Amino acid sequence: MSGAGKKVVDVAFKAGKSIDWEGMAKLLVSDEARKEFATLRRTFDEVNSTLQTKFSQEPEPIDWEYYRKGIGSRLVDMYKEAYESVEIPKFVDTVTPQFKPKFDALLVELKEAEEKSLKESERLEKEIADLQELKQKISTMTADEYFEKHPELKKKFDDEIRNDNWGY
């Protein structure tokens, strides 16, 4: 295999090892996203498998002597010369440099969105815990206990009473 082809296979193999598929799968919330993610993973595995098997092996060398015996040396020499004159162009990746900055920017945006999401999740979990605590205590809670947790409401009610505004 040529050096460039082997490099592509090695990079694909290493990429497959470094992807945290389970970690990403845990972040998905909808069934449609899970379905698309499964399709992406299956496709990645198929392409990676093809790269590992089909393109990672050197082609078997041609036994020119075998063909010379059966066909004749003149015709075989002609094919051998044509075969050896074929130059396979080296692959030059012009796409990755164009999309690498965009991908890196998306990764930064993803991290920011993840941080926002985690903060919002923390806030919501705290709010849920407070509501569950309130639900348990509501039947035995006094107004002073409630106002202790919600001083803004106490201030509002005190202002209304002080201003003789009883809400009607």
Protein backbone atom coordinates (compact mmCIF):
# COMPACT_ATOMS: atom_id res chain seq x y z
CA MET A 1 0.00 0.00 0.00
CA SER A 2 1.17 3.49 -0.71
CA GLY A 3 2.23 5.72 2.15
CA ALA A 4 -0.76 8.06 1.70
CA GLY A 5 -3.27 5.20 1.68
CA LYS A 6 -1.76 3.64 4.79
CA LYS A 7 -1.84 7.04 6.52
CA VAL A 8 -5.57 7.42 5.77
CA VAL A 9 -6.26 3.95 7.17
CA ASP A 10 -4.18 4.67 10.30
CA VAL A 11 -5.96 7.99 10.90
CA ALA A 12 -9.39 6.38 10.46
CA PHE A 13 -8.45 3.56 12.83
CA LYS A 14 -7.20 5.98 15.51
CA ALA A 15 -10.28 8.18 15.07
CA GLY A 16 -12.51 5.16 15.64
CA LYS A 17 -10.67 4.34 18.87
CA SER A 18 -10.82 7.89 20.23
CA ILE A 19 -14.54 8.54 19.66
CA ASP A 20 -16.61 8.21 22.82
CA TRP A 21 -19.75 6.79 21.22
CA GLU A 22 -21.37 5.83 24.54
CA GLY A 23 -20.70 9.26 26.03
CA MET A 24 -22.27 10.98 23.04
CA ALA A 25 -25.24 8.59 23.05
CA LYS A 26 -26.02 9.54 26.65
CA LEU A 27 -26.43 13.18 25.64
CA LEU A 28 -29.20 12.49 23.12
CA VAL A 29 -32.72 13.25 24.26
CA SER A 30 -35.07 12.43 21.39
CA ASP A 31 -35.78 9.10 19.73
CA GLU A 32 -35.15 10.65 16.31
CA ALA A 33 -31.70 11.84 17.44
CA ARG A 34 -30.90 8.36 18.80
CA LYS A 35 -31.96 6.80 15.48
CA GLU A 36 -29.82 9.21 13.46
CA PHE A 37 -26.89 8.68 15.83
CA ALA A 38 -27.16 4.90 15.45
CA THR A 39 -27.14 5.32 11.67
CA LEU A 40 -24.08 7.56 11.88
CA ARG A 41 -22.23 5.08 14.07
CA ARG A 42 -23.13 2.11 11.85
CA THR A 43 -21.99 4.01 8.74
CA PHE A 44 -18.74 5.05 10.43
CA ASP A 45 -18.04 1.45 11.44
CA GLU A 46 -18.75 0.20 7.92
CA VAL A 47 -16.44 2.77 6.31
CA ASN A 48 -13.75 2.12 8.90
CA SER A 49 -14.03 -1.62 8.35
CA THR A 50 -13.73 -1.15 4.59
CA LEU A 51 -10.66 1.02 5.07
CA GLN A 52 -9.11 -1.56 7.40
CA THR A 53 -9.70 -4.52 5.12
CA LYS A 54 -9.83 -3.37 1.53
CA PHE A 55 -7.35 -0.54 1.49
CA SER A 56 -4.89 -1.63 4.14
CA GLN A 57 -3.53 -4.59 2.19
CA GLU A 58 -0.83 -4.46 -0.45
CA PRO A 59 -1.89 -5.95 -3.78
CA GLU A 60 -0.33 -9.27 -4.58
CA PRO A 61 2.61 -8.91 -6.96
CA ILE A 62 2.01 -10.06 -10.50
CA ASP A 63 3.83 -13.27 -11.50
CA TRP A 64 4.96 -12.15 -14.95
CA GLU A 65 6.86 -15.39 -15.56
CA TYR A 66 3.67 -17.43 -15.17
CA TYR A 67 1.97 -15.36 -17.88
CA ARG A 68 5.04 -15.45 -20.15
CA LYS A 69 4.83 -19.26 -20.21
CA GLY A 70 1.13 -19.29 -21.15
CA ILE A 71 0.76 -16.23 -23.36
CA GLY A 72 4.16 -15.37 -24.72
CA SER A 73 6.83 -12.97 -23.64
CA ARG A 74 6.22 -10.24 -26.21
CA LEU A 75 2.61 -9.56 -25.18
CA VAL A 76 3.39 -9.97 -21.46
CA ASP A 77 6.33 -7.56 -21.74
CA MET A 78 4.01 -5.06 -23.39
CA TYR A 79 1.50 -5.37 -20.51
CA LYS A 80 4.27 -5.27 -17.92
CA GLU A 81 5.67 -2.08 -19.44
CA ALA A 82 2.20 -0.50 -19.53
CA TYR A 83 1.51 -1.65 -15.96
CA GLU A 84 4.75 -0.18 -14.66
CA SER A 85 4.22 3.09 -16.51
CA VAL A 86 0.91 3.73 -14.75
CA GLU A 87 1.35 6.39 -12.13
CA ILE A 88 -1.33 6.62 -9.49
CA PRO A 89 -1.74 10.22 -8.43
CA LYS A 90 -1.19 11.00 -4.78
CA PHE A 91 -4.27 12.13 -2.95
CA VAL A 92 -4.08 15.74 -1.88
CA ASP A 93 -6.65 16.69 0.73
CA THR A 94 -7.99 20.13 -0.08
CA VAL A 95 -11.28 19.72 1.77
CA THR A 96 -10.10 19.24 5.35
CA PRO A 97 -8.25 22.57 5.56
CA GLN A 98 -11.43 24.37 4.46
CA PHE A 99 -13.67 22.74 7.03
CA LYS A 100 -11.27 22.36 9.97
CA PRO A 101 -11.75 25.98 11.18
CA LYS A 102 -15.53 25.64 10.86
CA PHE A 103 -15.46 22.38 12.76
CA ASP A 104 -13.27 23.87 15.50
CA ALA A 105 -15.66 26.83 15.80
CA LEU A 106 -18.58 24.42 16.12
CA LEU A 107 -16.74 22.53 18.85
CA VAL A 108 -16.27 25.78 20.81
CA GLU A 109 -19.95 26.60 20.31
CA LEU A 110 -20.86 23.08 21.43
CA LYS A 111 -18.83 23.43 24.63
CA GLU A 112 -20.52 26.76 25.41
CA ALA A 113 -23.95 25.24 24.79
CA GLU A 114 -23.02 22.26 26.98
CA GLU A 115 -21.97 24.56 29.83
CA LYS A 116 -25.21 26.56 29.53
CA SER A 117 -27.21 23.35 29.49
CA LEU A 118 -25.45 21.98 32.57
CA LYS A 119 -26.02 25.24 34.47
CA GLU A 120 -29.69 25.27 33.48
CA SER A 121 -30.02 21.61 34.50
CA GLU A 122 -28.52 22.42 37.91
CA ARG A 123 -30.90 25.34 38.34
CA LEU A 124 -33.91 23.24 37.36
CA GLU A 125 -32.89 20.36 39.63
CA LYS A 126 -32.57 22.79 42.54
CA GLU A 127 -35.98 24.28 41.71
CA ILE A 128 -37.53 20.80 41.55
CA ALA A 129 -36.00 19.91 44.93
CA ASP A 130 -37.36 23.14 46.43
CA LEU A 131 -40.83 22.46 45.03
CA GLN A 132 -40.82 18.90 46.33
CA GLU A 133 -39.81 20.16 49.76
CA LEU A 134 -42.55 22.79 49.61
CA LYS A 135 -45.08 20.16 48.54
CA GLN A 136 -44.24 18.03 51.59
CA LYS A 137 -44.36 20.92 54.05
CA ILE A 138 -47.19 23.04 52.61
CA SER A 139 -49.91 21.61 54.86
CA THR A 140 -48.00 22.34 58.09
CA MET A 141 -46.03 25.43 57.05
CA THR A 142 -46.71 28.78 58.67
CA ALA A 143 -46.71 32.10 56.78
CA ASP A 144 -43.49 33.10 58.55
CA GLU A 145 -41.76 29.90 57.39
CA TYR A 146 -42.94 30.51 53.83
CA PHE A 147 -41.84 34.15 53.88
CA GLU A 148 -38.47 33.07 55.24
CA LYS A 149 -37.87 31.20 51.97
CA HIS A 150 -39.50 33.92 49.82
CA PRO A 151 -38.56 37.31 51.31
CA GLU A 152 -39.59 39.12 48.10
CA LEU A 153 -43.22 38.08 48.67
CA LYS A 154 -43.09 39.24 52.30
CA LYS A 155 -41.79 42.62 51.15
CA LYS A 156 -44.55 42.83 48.52
CA PHE A 157 -47.29 42.02 51.04
CA ASP A 158 -45.84 44.41 53.63
CA ASP A 159 -45.74 47.19 51.00
CA GLU A 160 -49.37 46.51 50.03
CA ILE A 161 -50.50 46.60 53.65
CA ARG A 162 -48.45 49.71 54.39
CA ASN A 163 -49.93 51.49 51.31
CA ASP A 164 -53.41 50.25 52.16
CA ASN A 165 -53.57 48.36 48.89
CA TRP A 166 -55.34 45.08 49.59
CA GLY A 167 -55.32 43.77 46.02
CA TYR A 168 -58.89 44.76 45.05
